[in-house]
Amino acid sequence: MSTLRHVAEGIVCADLLHLDRPESIAVYLIATSDGIAIVDPGPSSCEEHLRRALRDFGATLDDVRHVLLTHIHLDHAGIVGSLVRANPFIHVHVHARGAPRVHMHVNEWVRPHQ
């Protein structure tokens, strides 16, 4: 069963079914000319649902090029280290205030923004 909801052309929202509870954590997937961008990929406990959402969107983790974090709470960013280890081509974009904490987990792939 797909958990994707169409938002706009090339943009979907997916329910990550955190702890198998619907509508508790969502992720946005965006098709760009550079590959897939993920907004707030969620906690590591939702990896299976994130990968399913990517598949339903016609992509895999190998297609992801950008992760955009609105902030660094674990329910938004907990899986980032695992994603970058699995795909070193991912660039993580985060506010400069959050970059030091994310950097501890994903090192040189973090791109702080001010």
C-alpha atoms as a PDB file:
ATOM      1  CA  MET A   1       0.000   0.000   0.000  1.00  0.00           C
ATOM      2  CA  SER A   2       1.426   3.359  -0.995  1.00  0.00           C
ATOM      3  CA  THR A   3       1.600   6.070   1.626  1.00  0.00           C
ATOM      4  CA  LEU A   4       2.308   8.815  -0.937  1.00  0.00           C
ATOM      5  CA  ARG A   5       0.174  11.925  -1.219  1.00  0.00           C
ATOM      6  CA  HIS A   6       0.655  14.147  -4.267  1.00  0.00           C
ATOM      7  CA  VAL A   7       1.505  17.728  -3.261  1.00  0.00           C
ATOM      8  CA  ALA A   8       2.592  19.303  -6.553  1.00  0.00           C
ATOM      9  CA  GLU A   9       4.316  18.238  -9.748  1.00  0.00           C
ATOM     10  CA  GLY A  10       7.331  16.159  -8.680  1.00  0.00           C
ATOM     11  CA  ILE A  11       6.590  16.512  -4.960  1.00  0.00           C
ATOM     12  CA  VAL A  12       4.960  13.970  -2.670  1.00  0.00           C
ATOM     13  CA  CYS A  13       4.401  13.606   1.037  1.00  0.00           C
ATOM     14  CA  ALA A  14       4.824  10.137   2.526  1.00  0.00           C
ATOM     15  CA  ASP A  15       3.654   8.821   5.863  1.00  0.00           C
ATOM     16  CA  LEU A  16       6.587   7.107   7.623  1.00  0.00           C
ATOM     17  CA  LEU A  17       4.197   5.161   9.878  1.00  0.00           C
ATOM     18  CA  HIS A  18       6.388   5.788  12.914  1.00  0.00           C
ATOM     19  CA  LEU A  19       5.917   2.904  15.370  1.00  0.00           C
ATOM     20  CA  ASP A  20       3.250   1.706  12.899  1.00  0.00           C
ATOM     21  CA  ARG A  21       1.113   4.729  13.779  1.00  0.00           C
ATOM     22  CA  PRO A  22      -0.306   6.548  10.757  1.00  0.00           C
ATOM     23  CA  GLU A  23       0.104  10.300  10.426  1.00  0.00           C
ATOM     24  CA  SER A  24       2.699  10.765  13.163  1.00  0.00           C
ATOM     25  CA  ILE A  25       5.786  11.500  11.019  1.00  0.00           C
ATOM     26  CA  ALA A  26       5.875  12.512   7.358  1.00  0.00           C
ATOM     27  CA  VAL A  27       8.609  13.068   4.805  1.00  0.00           C
ATOM     28  CA  TYR A  28       8.605  15.037   1.567  1.00  0.00           C
ATOM     29  CA  LEU A  29      10.234  13.662  -1.582  1.00  0.00           C
ATOM     30  CA  ILE A  30      11.075  16.064  -4.381  1.00  0.00           C
ATOM     31  CA  ALA A  31      12.194  15.130  -7.878  1.00  0.00           C
ATOM     32  CA  THR A  32      14.855  17.591  -9.048  1.00  0.00           C
ATOM     33  CA  SER A  33      17.067  17.759 -12.112  1.00  0.00           C
ATOM     34  CA  ASP A  34      19.919  16.692  -9.810  1.00  0.00           C
ATOM     35  CA  GLY A  35      18.132  13.677  -8.324  1.00  0.00           C
ATOM     36  CA  ILE A  36      15.807  13.169  -5.400  1.00  0.00           C
ATOM     37  CA  ALA A  37      15.701  15.579  -2.462  1.00  0.00           C
ATOM     38  CA  ILE A  38      14.314  14.415   0.869  1.00  0.00           C
ATOM     39  CA  VAL A  39      12.943  16.911   3.381  1.00  0.00           C
ATOM     40  CA  ASP A  40      13.192  15.682   6.996  1.00  0.00           C
ATOM     41  CA  PRO A  41      13.812  11.964   6.399  1.00  0.00           C
ATOM     42  CA  GLY A  42      12.756  10.980   9.929  1.00  0.00           C
ATOM     43  CA  PRO A  43      14.185   8.672  12.585  1.00  0.00           C
ATOM     44  CA  SER A  44      16.234   5.568  11.864  1.00  0.00           C
ATOM     45  CA  SER A  45      13.332   3.398  13.043  1.00  0.00           C
ATOM     46  CA  CYS A  46      11.426   4.457   9.898  1.00  0.00           C
ATOM     47  CA  GLU A  47      14.047   3.348   7.364  1.00  0.00           C
ATOM     48  CA  GLU A  48      11.884   0.580   5.901  1.00  0.00           C
ATOM     49  CA  HIS A  49       8.985   2.986   5.327  1.00  0.00           C
ATOM     50  CA  LEU A  50      11.302   5.639   3.862  1.00  0.00           C
ATOM     51  CA  ARG A  51      12.735   3.124   1.389  1.00  0.00           C
ATOM     52  CA  ARG A  52       9.202   2.001   0.482  1.00  0.00           C
ATOM     53  CA  ALA A  53       8.182   5.631  -0.109  1.00  0.00           C
ATOM     54  CA  LEU A  54      11.184   6.103  -2.382  1.00  0.00           C
ATOM     55  CA  ARG A  55      10.242   2.932  -4.307  1.00  0.00           C
ATOM     56  CA  ASP A  56       6.624   4.096  -4.640  1.00  0.00           C
ATOM     57  CA  PHE A  57       8.009   7.399  -5.950  1.00  0.00           C
ATOM     58  CA  GLY A  58       9.984   5.455  -8.579  1.00  0.00           C
ATOM     59  CA  ALA A  59      13.369   5.935  -6.923  1.00  0.00           C
ATOM     60  CA  THR A  60      15.879   4.266  -4.621  1.00  0.00           C
ATOM     61  CA  LEU A  61      18.304   5.586  -2.057  1.00  0.00           C
ATOM     62  CA  ASP A  62      20.933   5.644  -4.820  1.00  0.00           C
ATOM     63  CA  ASP A  63      18.882   8.353  -6.575  1.00  0.00           C
ATOM     64  CA  VAL A  64      18.915  10.684  -3.563  1.00  0.00           C
ATOM     65  CA  ARG A  65      21.277  13.664  -3.846  1.00  0.00           C
ATOM     66  CA  HIS A  66      20.013  16.048  -1.168  1.00  0.00           C
ATOM     67  CA  VAL A  67      18.607  15.861   2.338  1.00  0.00           C
ATOM     68  CA  LEU A  68      17.132  19.090   3.650  1.00  0.00           C
ATOM     69  CA  LEU A  69      16.664  19.346   7.410  1.00  0.00           C
ATOM     70  CA  THR A  70      14.284  21.887   8.894  1.00  0.00           C
ATOM     71  CA  HIS A  71      15.879  21.190  12.288  1.00  0.00           C
ATOM     72  CA  ILE A  72      17.928  18.459  13.937  1.00  0.00           C
ATOM     73  CA  HIS A  73      15.469  16.705  16.259  1.00  0.00           C
ATOM     74  CA  LEU A  74      15.723  12.936  15.919  1.00  0.00           C
ATOM     75  CA  ASP A  75      12.190  12.591  14.550  1.00  0.00           C
ATOM     76  CA  HIS A  76      13.267  14.770  11.617  1.00  0.00           C
ATOM     77  CA  ALA A  77      16.956  13.938  11.199  1.00  0.00           C
ATOM     78  CA  GLY A  78      17.770  10.740  13.092  1.00  0.00           C
ATOM     79  CA  ILE A  79      18.363   8.636   9.991  1.00  0.00           C
ATOM     80  CA  VAL A  80      20.705  11.090   8.240  1.00  0.00           C
ATOM     81  CA  GLY A  81      23.938   9.358   9.253  1.00  0.00           C
ATOM     82  CA  SER A  82      22.698   6.016   7.951  1.00  0.00           C
ATOM     83  CA  LEU A  83      21.546   7.553   4.673  1.00  0.00           C
ATOM     84  CA  VAL A  84      24.886   9.220   4.019  1.00  0.00           C
ATOM     85  CA  ARG A  85      26.834   6.077   4.901  1.00  0.00           C
ATOM     86  CA  ALA A  86      24.662   4.137   2.430  1.00  0.00           C
ATOM     87  CA  ASN A  87      24.941   6.824  -0.273  1.00  0.00           C
ATOM     88  CA  PRO A  88      27.990   9.103  -0.002  1.00  0.00           C
ATOM     89  CA  PHE A  89      26.673  11.282  -2.854  1.00  0.00           C
ATOM     90  CA  ILE A  90      23.991  12.753  -0.590  1.00  0.00           C
ATOM     91  CA  HIS A  91      24.514  16.363   0.453  1.00  0.00           C
ATOM     92  CA  VAL A  92      22.929  17.298   3.764  1.00  0.00           C
ATOM     93  CA  HIS A  93      21.624  20.855   4.007  1.00  0.00           C
ATOM     94  CA  VAL A  94      21.027  22.229   7.492  1.00  0.00           C
ATOM     95  CA  HIS A  95      21.024  25.592   9.253  1.00  0.00           C
ATOM     96  CA  ALA A  96      24.441  26.645  10.558  1.00  0.00           C
ATOM     97  CA  ARG A  97      23.238  26.294  14.170  1.00  0.00           C
ATOM     98  CA  GLY A  98      22.391  22.636  13.659  1.00  0.00           C
ATOM     99  CA  ALA A  99      25.383  21.745  11.509  1.00  0.00           C
ATOM    100  CA  PRO A 100      27.835  20.979  14.352  1.00  0.00           C
ATOM    101  CA  ARG A 101      25.520  18.347  15.833  1.00  0.00           C
ATOM    102  CA  VAL A 102      24.700  16.759  12.479  1.00  0.00           C
ATOM    103  CA  HIS A 103      28.358  16.952  11.477  1.00  0.00           C
ATOM    104  CA  MET A 104      29.264  14.610  14.339  1.00  0.00           C
ATOM    105  CA  HIS A 105      27.242  11.907  12.572  1.00  0.00           C
ATOM    106  CA  VAL A 106      27.796  12.546   8.881  1.00  0.00           C
ATOM    107  CA  ASN A 107      31.060  14.514   8.718  1.00  0.00           C
ATOM    108  CA  GLU A 108      31.997  16.241   5.472  1.00  0.00           C
ATOM    109  CA  TRP A 109      28.641  15.707   3.743  1.00  0.00           C
ATOM    110  CA  VAL A 110      26.952  18.405   5.797  1.00  0.00           C
ATOM    111  CA  ARG A 111      26.392  21.694   3.993  1.00  0.00           C
ATOM    112  CA  PRO A 112      25.548  24.328   6.633  1.00  0.00           C
ATOM    113  CA  HIS A 113      23.364  27.230   5.563  1.00  0.00           C
ATOM    114  CA  GLN A 114      23.133  30.594   7.262  1.00  0.00           C
END
